[in-house]
């Protein structure tokens, strides 16, 4: 079993805070989804509390949903890909 790194735990915590705080701000049920994030916001979530260097970022349509894919170089020299659902802001996988 793979252990969870501090970076991954920080990222998950950031995403949870973002998701719950966005829902608290919604006032109109007919208003557009308040949790939708753009590519820039998704990229900032990935690098916020980590020393990752962004190598590239793009949005793709995967299984009929928009997914932000952020390619980063980690401090230990590894390349990782993070996938974030554009509609929910949820980390899909990396």
C-alpha atoms as a PDB file:
ATOM      1  CA  UNK A   1       0.000   0.000   0.000  1.00  0.00           C
ATOM      2  CA  UNK A   2       1.349   3.438  -0.915  1.00  0.00           C
ATOM      3  CA  UNK A   3       1.674   5.956   1.900  1.00  0.00           C
ATOM      4  CA  UNK A   4       0.106   9.386   1.546  1.00  0.00           C
ATOM      5  CA  UNK A   5       2.601  12.258   1.369  1.00  0.00           C
ATOM      6  CA  UNK A   6       2.247  15.570   3.194  1.00  0.00           C
ATOM      7  CA  UNK A   7       1.687  17.299  -0.148  1.00  0.00           C
ATOM      8  CA  UNK A   8      -1.213  15.016  -1.014  1.00  0.00           C
ATOM      9  CA  UNK A   9      -2.780  15.468   2.430  1.00  0.00           C
ATOM     10  CA  UNK A  10      -2.445  19.266   2.144  1.00  0.00           C
ATOM     11  CA  UNK A  11      -3.998  19.196  -1.312  1.00  0.00           C
ATOM     12  CA  UNK A  12      -6.944  17.105  -0.150  1.00  0.00           C
ATOM     13  CA  UNK A  13      -7.495  19.429   2.827  1.00  0.00           C
ATOM     14  CA  UNK A  14      -7.409  22.488   0.555  1.00  0.00           C
ATOM     15  CA  UNK A  15      -9.918  20.960  -1.821  1.00  0.00           C
ATOM     16  CA  UNK A  16     -12.268  20.032   1.020  1.00  0.00           C
ATOM     17  CA  UNK A  17     -12.133  23.542   2.484  1.00  0.00           C
ATOM     18  CA  UNK A  18     -12.740  25.032  -0.958  1.00  0.00           C
ATOM     19  CA  UNK A  19     -15.714  22.753  -1.650  1.00  0.00           C
ATOM     20  CA  UNK A  20     -17.413  23.319   1.705  1.00  0.00           C
ATOM     21  CA  UNK A  21     -16.844  27.077   1.783  1.00  0.00           C
ATOM     22  CA  UNK A  22     -18.267  27.516  -1.731  1.00  0.00           C
ATOM     23  CA  UNK A  23     -21.476  25.756  -0.769  1.00  0.00           C
ATOM     24  CA  UNK A  24     -21.963  28.101   2.192  1.00  0.00           C
ATOM     25  CA  UNK A  25     -21.963  31.126  -0.088  1.00  0.00           C
ATOM     26  CA  UNK A  26     -24.719  29.947  -2.442  1.00  0.00           C
ATOM     27  CA  UNK A  27     -27.925  31.932  -1.919  1.00  0.00           C
ATOM     28  CA  UNK A  28     -30.049  31.201  -4.981  1.00  0.00           C
ATOM     29  CA  UNK A  29     -30.918  27.616  -5.888  1.00  0.00           C
ATOM     30  CA  UNK A  30     -31.429  28.642  -9.526  1.00  0.00           C
ATOM     31  CA  UNK A  31     -28.016  30.324  -9.752  1.00  0.00           C
ATOM     32  CA  UNK A  32     -25.238  28.589 -11.695  1.00  0.00           C
ATOM     33  CA  UNK A  33     -23.083  26.092  -9.819  1.00  0.00           C
ATOM     34  CA  UNK A  34     -20.893  28.106  -7.420  1.00  0.00           C
ATOM     35  CA  UNK A  35     -18.202  25.397  -7.090  1.00  0.00           C
ATOM     36  CA  UNK A  36     -17.143  25.418 -10.753  1.00  0.00           C
ATOM     37  CA  UNK A  37     -13.477  26.346 -11.045  1.00  0.00           C
ATOM     38  CA  UNK A  38     -11.457  27.483 -14.016  1.00  0.00           C
ATOM     39  CA  UNK A  39      -8.029  26.248 -15.060  1.00  0.00           C
ATOM     40  CA  UNK A  40      -6.213  29.045 -13.245  1.00  0.00           C
ATOM     41  CA  UNK A  41      -7.994  28.296  -9.952  1.00  0.00           C
ATOM     42  CA  UNK A  42      -7.288  24.571 -10.318  1.00  0.00           C
ATOM     43  CA  UNK A  43      -3.602  25.265 -10.930  1.00  0.00           C
ATOM     44  CA  UNK A  44      -3.401  27.501  -7.863  1.00  0.00           C
ATOM     45  CA  UNK A  45      -4.944  24.738  -5.722  1.00  0.00           C
ATOM     46  CA  UNK A  46      -2.237  22.315  -6.825  1.00  0.00           C
ATOM     47  CA  UNK A  47       0.688  24.635  -6.073  1.00  0.00           C
ATOM     48  CA  UNK A  48      -0.665  26.525  -3.055  1.00  0.00           C
ATOM     49  CA  UNK A  49       1.055  24.748  -0.156  1.00  0.00           C
ATOM     50  CA  UNK A  50       3.526  22.708  -2.141  1.00  0.00           C
ATOM     51  CA  UNK A  51       6.791  23.490  -3.826  1.00  0.00           C
ATOM     52  CA  UNK A  52       5.576  22.046  -7.118  1.00  0.00           C
ATOM     53  CA  UNK A  53       6.563  23.771 -10.334  1.00  0.00           C
ATOM     54  CA  UNK A  54       3.833  23.818 -12.986  1.00  0.00           C
ATOM     55  CA  UNK A  55       5.055  22.463 -16.306  1.00  0.00           C
ATOM     56  CA  UNK A  56       1.723  22.716 -18.100  1.00  0.00           C
ATOM     57  CA  UNK A  57      -2.013  22.930 -17.645  1.00  0.00           C
ATOM     58  CA  UNK A  58      -4.936  22.250 -19.948  1.00  0.00           C
ATOM     59  CA  UNK A  59      -8.621  21.419 -19.901  1.00  0.00           C
ATOM     60  CA  UNK A  60      -9.864  18.290 -21.655  1.00  0.00           C
ATOM     61  CA  UNK A  61     -13.240  16.639 -22.120  1.00  0.00           C
ATOM     62  CA  UNK A  62     -13.091  13.202 -20.467  1.00  0.00           C
ATOM     63  CA  UNK A  63     -16.221  11.029 -20.201  1.00  0.00           C
ATOM     64  CA  UNK A  64     -18.392  14.044 -21.153  1.00  0.00           C
ATOM     65  CA  UNK A  65     -17.039  16.261 -18.369  1.00  0.00           C
ATOM     66  CA  UNK A  66     -14.433  18.997 -18.346  1.00  0.00           C
ATOM     67  CA  UNK A  67     -11.282  18.021 -16.512  1.00  0.00           C
ATOM     68  CA  UNK A  68      -8.354  20.298 -15.714  1.00  0.00           C
ATOM     69  CA  UNK A  69      -5.041  18.462 -16.060  1.00  0.00           C
ATOM     70  CA  UNK A  70      -2.064  20.041 -14.335  1.00  0.00           C
ATOM     71  CA  UNK A  71       1.431  18.685 -14.983  1.00  0.00           C
ATOM     72  CA  UNK A  72       3.910  19.518 -12.210  1.00  0.00           C
ATOM     73  CA  UNK A  73       7.522  18.906 -11.308  1.00  0.00           C
ATOM     74  CA  UNK A  74       7.780  17.903  -7.649  1.00  0.00           C
ATOM     75  CA  UNK A  75      10.645  19.048  -5.378  1.00  0.00           C
ATOM     76  CA  UNK A  76      12.152  15.555  -5.627  1.00  0.00           C
ATOM     77  CA  UNK A  77      12.296  15.769  -9.443  1.00  0.00           C
ATOM     78  CA  UNK A  78       9.283  13.638 -10.323  1.00  0.00           C
ATOM     79  CA  UNK A  79       6.615  14.635 -12.840  1.00  0.00           C
ATOM     80  CA  UNK A  80       3.007  14.247 -11.679  1.00  0.00           C
ATOM     81  CA  UNK A  81      -0.317  14.844 -13.386  1.00  0.00           C
ATOM     82  CA  UNK A  82      -3.255  16.036 -11.305  1.00  0.00           C
ATOM     83  CA  UNK A  83      -6.799  15.833 -12.685  1.00  0.00           C
ATOM     84  CA  UNK A  84      -9.477  18.111 -11.253  1.00  0.00           C
ATOM     85  CA  UNK A  85     -13.162  18.031 -12.195  1.00  0.00           C
ATOM     86  CA  UNK A  86     -13.957  21.530 -13.517  1.00  0.00           C
ATOM     87  CA  UNK A  87     -17.572  21.371 -12.364  1.00  0.00           C
ATOM     88  CA  UNK A  88     -16.960  20.332  -8.761  1.00  0.00           C
ATOM     89  CA  UNK A  89     -13.323  21.211  -8.076  1.00  0.00           C
ATOM     90  CA  UNK A  90     -12.796  17.632  -6.897  1.00  0.00           C
ATOM     91  CA  UNK A  91      -9.426  15.950  -7.353  1.00  0.00           C
ATOM     92  CA  UNK A  92     -10.082  12.962  -9.623  1.00  0.00           C
ATOM     93  CA  UNK A  93      -6.597  11.444  -9.498  1.00  0.00           C
ATOM     94  CA  UNK A  94      -3.046  12.319 -10.291  1.00  0.00           C
END
